[in-house]
Amino acid sequence: MTVYRFVLLLIATCLVSCTSVPDKPASGAGLPDCGVLPNCVNSELTEGGKAVAPLQATAQQWQQLKQWIASQHDWTITTDTGDFVQAVVKTPLMRFRDDVQFRFIQDAGVIHVRSSSRLGISDMGVNRRRVEMLRSQLEDGEPDH
């Protein structure tokens, strides 16, 4: 009976605090919403605790960012369609998988970004810090990670 309760508790916990890999948005559509859990930030949100400013970038900076992501041992690009990139990031200590999506809008000179944790109710600020690290890298031209 104890094993049965443990399995039920595990399933219930996952239903509450696990999220799936976000879908690639349809052409011209925005990045997916963050959902109800506080484990995501999204630059296409305009208010609230999940909103984060988009990254400012030229086409050259966009290409450099994609190259930098591809060179990181803890990042894996799963989709690259030119103006959209989706990557999986493994956290350093626990090796959790987080999802990061980028949508480059060349005419506006912005990269919209969504960073979300797959596991856990709260991300403890990891996703916001990741976006700010990327912003710093674009501004300085030097990777901080």
C-alpha atoms as a PDB file:
ATOM      1  CA  MET A   1       0.000   0.000   0.000  1.00  0.00           C
ATOM      2  CA  THR A   2       2.898   2.399   0.711  1.00  0.00           C
ATOM      3  CA  VAL A   3       4.277   2.036  -2.818  1.00  0.00           C
ATOM      4  CA  TYR A   4       0.813   2.713  -4.228  1.00  0.00           C
ATOM      5  CA  ARG A   5       0.521   5.944  -2.213  1.00  0.00           C
ATOM      6  CA  PHE A   6       4.002   7.005  -3.257  1.00  0.00           C
ATOM      7  CA  VAL A   7       3.172   6.505  -6.943  1.00  0.00           C
ATOM      8  CA  LEU A   8      -0.067   8.472  -6.571  1.00  0.00           C
ATOM      9  CA  LEU A   9       1.795  11.276  -4.798  1.00  0.00           C
ATOM     10  CA  LEU A  10       4.449  11.333  -7.513  1.00  0.00           C
ATOM     11  CA  ILE A  11       1.816  11.504 -10.266  1.00  0.00           C
ATOM     12  CA  ALA A  12      -0.102  14.242  -8.450  1.00  0.00           C
ATOM     13  CA  THR A  13       3.085  16.254  -7.926  1.00  0.00           C
ATOM     14  CA  CYS A  14       3.977  15.980 -11.598  1.00  0.00           C
ATOM     15  CA  LEU A  15       0.507  17.017 -12.673  1.00  0.00           C
ATOM     16  CA  VAL A  16       0.832  20.128 -10.526  1.00  0.00           C
ATOM     17  CA  SER A  17       4.469  21.047 -11.077  1.00  0.00           C
ATOM     18  CA  CYS A  18       5.747  19.490 -14.309  1.00  0.00           C
ATOM     19  CA  THR A  19       5.351  21.208 -17.627  1.00  0.00           C
ATOM     20  CA  SER A  20       5.821  19.840 -21.094  1.00  0.00           C
ATOM     21  CA  VAL A  21       8.074  21.068 -23.853  1.00  0.00           C
ATOM     22  CA  PRO A  22       6.496  24.188 -25.400  1.00  0.00           C
ATOM     23  CA  ASP A  23       5.313  23.940 -28.980  1.00  0.00           C
ATOM     24  CA  LYS A  24       6.900  25.952 -31.749  1.00  0.00           C
ATOM     25  CA  PRO A  25       4.535  28.829 -32.501  1.00  0.00           C
ATOM     26  CA  ALA A  26       2.806  28.943 -35.860  1.00  0.00           C
ATOM     27  CA  SER A  27       4.382  31.243 -38.428  1.00  0.00           C
ATOM     28  CA  GLY A  28       3.846  34.840 -37.349  1.00  0.00           C
ATOM     29  CA  ALA A  29       2.411  33.838 -33.972  1.00  0.00           C
ATOM     30  CA  GLY A  30       3.873  34.874 -30.645  1.00  0.00           C
ATOM     31  CA  LEU A  31       5.657  32.659 -28.173  1.00  0.00           C
ATOM     32  CA  PRO A  32       3.459  30.438 -25.979  1.00  0.00           C
ATOM     33  CA  ASP A  33       2.051  31.851 -22.749  1.00  0.00           C
ATOM     34  CA  CYS A  34       3.782  30.926 -19.509  1.00  0.00           C
ATOM     35  CA  GLY A  35       0.850  29.281 -17.801  1.00  0.00           C
ATOM     36  CA  VAL A  36      -0.095  29.545 -14.149  1.00  0.00           C
ATOM     37  CA  LEU A  37       3.114  28.393 -12.441  1.00  0.00           C
ATOM     38  CA  PRO A  38       5.807  30.958 -11.533  1.00  0.00           C
ATOM     39  CA  ASN A  39       8.519  29.055 -13.422  1.00  0.00           C
ATOM     40  CA  CYS A  40       8.657  31.022 -16.670  1.00  0.00           C
ATOM     41  CA  VAL A  41       9.421  34.445 -18.129  1.00  0.00           C
ATOM     42  CA  ASN A  42       8.288  35.721 -21.516  1.00  0.00           C
ATOM     43  CA  SER A  43       9.172  38.970 -23.293  1.00  0.00           C
ATOM     44  CA  GLU A  44       5.866  38.987 -25.147  1.00  0.00           C
ATOM     45  CA  LEU A  45       4.025  39.541 -21.873  1.00  0.00           C
ATOM     46  CA  THR A  46       3.551  43.211 -21.056  1.00  0.00           C
ATOM     47  CA  GLU A  47       2.849  43.067 -17.333  1.00  0.00           C
ATOM     48  CA  GLY A  48       3.138  40.873 -14.288  1.00  0.00           C
ATOM     49  CA  GLY A  49       5.913  38.885 -12.696  1.00  0.00           C
ATOM     50  CA  LYS A  50       6.488  36.750 -15.776  1.00  0.00           C
ATOM     51  CA  ALA A  51       7.137  39.697 -18.110  1.00  0.00           C
ATOM     52  CA  VAL A  52      10.701  40.451 -19.177  1.00  0.00           C
ATOM     53  CA  ALA A  53      11.967  42.964 -21.740  1.00  0.00           C
ATOM     54  CA  PRO A  54      12.888  41.601 -25.183  1.00  0.00           C
ATOM     55  CA  LEU A  55      16.528  41.498 -26.244  1.00  0.00           C
ATOM     56  CA  GLN A  56      17.704  44.245 -28.612  1.00  0.00           C
ATOM     57  CA  ALA A  57      19.717  42.804 -31.496  1.00  0.00           C
ATOM     58  CA  THR A  58      20.840  43.296 -35.077  1.00  0.00           C
ATOM     59  CA  ALA A  59      20.791  40.450 -37.601  1.00  0.00           C
ATOM     60  CA  GLN A  60      24.514  39.967 -36.984  1.00  0.00           C
ATOM     61  CA  GLN A  61      23.992  39.777 -33.208  1.00  0.00           C
ATOM     62  CA  TRP A  62      21.185  37.261 -33.756  1.00  0.00           C
ATOM     63  CA  GLN A  63      23.554  35.026 -35.721  1.00  0.00           C
ATOM     64  CA  GLN A  64      26.264  35.438 -33.075  1.00  0.00           C
ATOM     65  CA  LEU A  65      23.804  34.521 -30.326  1.00  0.00           C
ATOM     66  CA  LYS A  66      22.782  31.365 -32.187  1.00  0.00           C
ATOM     67  CA  GLN A  67      26.440  30.418 -32.633  1.00  0.00           C
ATOM     68  CA  TRP A  68      27.120  31.042 -28.964  1.00  0.00           C
ATOM     69  CA  ILE A  69      24.150  28.866 -27.917  1.00  0.00           C
ATOM     70  CA  ALA A  70      25.311  26.054 -30.211  1.00  0.00           C
ATOM     71  CA  SER A  71      28.788  26.173 -28.642  1.00  0.00           C
ATOM     72  CA  GLN A  72      27.580  25.774 -25.043  1.00  0.00           C
ATOM     73  CA  HIS A  73      27.959  22.285 -23.570  1.00  0.00           C
ATOM     74  CA  ASP A  74      24.780  22.622 -21.475  1.00  0.00           C
ATOM     75  CA  TRP A  75      22.588  24.038 -24.290  1.00  0.00           C
ATOM     76  CA  THR A  76      21.116  21.947 -27.133  1.00  0.00           C
ATOM     77  CA  ILE A  77      19.340  23.586 -30.061  1.00  0.00           C
ATOM     78  CA  THR A  78      16.326  21.450 -30.951  1.00  0.00           C
ATOM     79  CA  THR A  79      14.800  23.735 -33.608  1.00  0.00           C
ATOM     80  CA  ASP A  80      16.311  26.459 -35.792  1.00  0.00           C
ATOM     81  CA  THR A  81      14.151  27.840 -38.593  1.00  0.00           C
ATOM     82  CA  GLY A  82      16.117  31.011 -39.235  1.00  0.00           C
ATOM     83  CA  ASP A  83      14.111  33.495 -37.188  1.00  0.00           C
ATOM     84  CA  PHE A  84      13.054  31.015 -34.474  1.00  0.00           C
ATOM     85  CA  VAL A  85      15.246  28.926 -32.179  1.00  0.00           C
ATOM     86  CA  GLN A  86      14.240  26.503 -29.479  1.00  0.00           C
ATOM     87  CA  ALA A  87      16.849  25.104 -27.100  1.00  0.00           C
ATOM     88  CA  VAL A  88      17.048  22.893 -24.044  1.00  0.00           C
ATOM     89  CA  VAL A  89      19.314  24.022 -21.217  1.00  0.00           C
ATOM     90  CA  LYS A  90      20.530  21.634 -18.528  1.00  0.00           C
ATOM     91  CA  THR A  91      20.961  23.289 -15.151  1.00  0.00           C
ATOM     92  CA  PRO A  92      24.477  22.942 -13.715  1.00  0.00           C
ATOM     93  CA  LEU A  93      23.871  21.179 -10.413  1.00  0.00           C
ATOM     94  CA  MET A  94      20.766  19.023 -10.757  1.00  0.00           C
ATOM     95  CA  ARG A  95      20.803  18.724 -14.586  1.00  0.00           C
ATOM     96  CA  PHE A  96      17.134  19.737 -14.852  1.00  0.00           C
ATOM     97  CA  ARG A  97      15.971  20.545 -18.361  1.00  0.00           C
ATOM     98  CA  ASP A  98      14.675  24.030 -19.090  1.00  0.00           C
ATOM     99  CA  ASP A  99      13.256  25.258 -22.391  1.00  0.00           C
ATOM    100  CA  VAL A 100      14.252  28.514 -24.058  1.00  0.00           C
ATOM    101  CA  GLN A 101      12.582  29.883 -27.175  1.00  0.00           C
ATOM    102  CA  PHE A 102      13.746  32.849 -29.249  1.00  0.00           C
ATOM    103  CA  ARG A 103      11.827  34.706 -31.968  1.00  0.00           C
ATOM    104  CA  PHE A 104      13.866  37.257 -33.931  1.00  0.00           C
ATOM    105  CA  ILE A 105      11.984  40.162 -35.513  1.00  0.00           C
ATOM    106  CA  GLN A 106      14.559  41.763 -37.761  1.00  0.00           C
ATOM    107  CA  ASP A 107      12.514  44.877 -38.698  1.00  0.00           C
ATOM    108  CA  ALA A 108      12.076  45.757 -35.016  1.00  0.00           C
ATOM    109  CA  GLY A 109      15.602  44.732 -34.013  1.00  0.00           C
ATOM    110  CA  VAL A 110      14.332  42.552 -31.171  1.00  0.00           C
ATOM    111  CA  ILE A 111      14.558  38.980 -30.026  1.00  0.00           C
ATOM    112  CA  HIS A 112      11.547  37.848 -28.059  1.00  0.00           C
ATOM    113  CA  VAL A 113      12.505  35.202 -25.544  1.00  0.00           C
ATOM    114  CA  ARG A 114      10.630  32.709 -23.387  1.00  0.00           C
ATOM    115  CA  SER A 115      12.497  30.705 -20.766  1.00  0.00           C
ATOM    116  CA  SER A 116      10.693  28.087 -18.696  1.00  0.00           C
ATOM    117  CA  SER A 117      11.491  25.302 -16.273  1.00  0.00           C
ATOM    118  CA  ARG A 118      10.005  21.883 -16.924  1.00  0.00           C
ATOM    119  CA  LEU A 119      10.101  20.777 -13.297  1.00  0.00           C
ATOM    120  CA  GLY A 120       9.107  22.590 -10.164  1.00  0.00           C
ATOM    121  CA  ILE A 121       6.507  25.060  -9.111  1.00  0.00           C
ATOM    122  CA  SER A 122       8.963  27.937  -8.827  1.00  0.00           C
ATOM    123  CA  ASP A 123      12.155  28.495 -10.790  1.00  0.00           C
ATOM    124  CA  MET A 124      13.801  30.529  -7.968  1.00  0.00           C
ATOM    125  CA  GLY A 125      14.574  33.268 -10.526  1.00  0.00           C
ATOM    126  CA  VAL A 126      16.673  31.058 -12.806  1.00  0.00           C
ATOM    127  CA  ASN A 127      14.784  31.915 -16.006  1.00  0.00           C
ATOM    128  CA  ARG A 128      14.913  35.676 -15.441  1.00  0.00           C
ATOM    129  CA  ARG A 129      18.646  35.487 -14.664  1.00  0.00           C
ATOM    130  CA  ARG A 130      19.172  33.435 -17.839  1.00  0.00           C
ATOM    131  CA  VAL A 131      17.460  36.100 -19.965  1.00  0.00           C
ATOM    132  CA  GLU A 132      19.458  38.869 -18.278  1.00  0.00           C
ATOM    133  CA  MET A 133      22.689  36.920 -18.874  1.00  0.00           C
ATOM    134  CA  LEU A 134      21.788  36.690 -22.568  1.00  0.00           C
ATOM    135  CA  ARG A 135      21.005  40.425 -22.626  1.00  0.00           C
ATOM    136  CA  SER A 136      24.383  41.163 -21.049  1.00  0.00           C
ATOM    137  CA  GLN A 137      26.110  38.928 -23.570  1.00  0.00           C
ATOM    138  CA  LEU A 138      24.462  40.765 -26.481  1.00  0.00           C
ATOM    139  CA  GLU A 139      25.352  44.176 -25.036  1.00  0.00           C
ATOM    140  CA  ASP A 140      28.940  43.278 -24.140  1.00  0.00           C
ATOM    141  CA  GLY A 141      29.632  40.840 -26.923  1.00  0.00           C
ATOM    142  CA  GLU A 142      31.208  38.535 -24.332  1.00  0.00           C
ATOM    143  CA  PRO A 143      29.579  35.354 -23.028  1.00  0.00           C
ATOM    144  CA  ASP A 144      29.144  35.321 -19.240  1.00  0.00           C
ATOM    145  CA  HIS A 145      28.182  31.643 -19.064  1.00  0.00           C
END
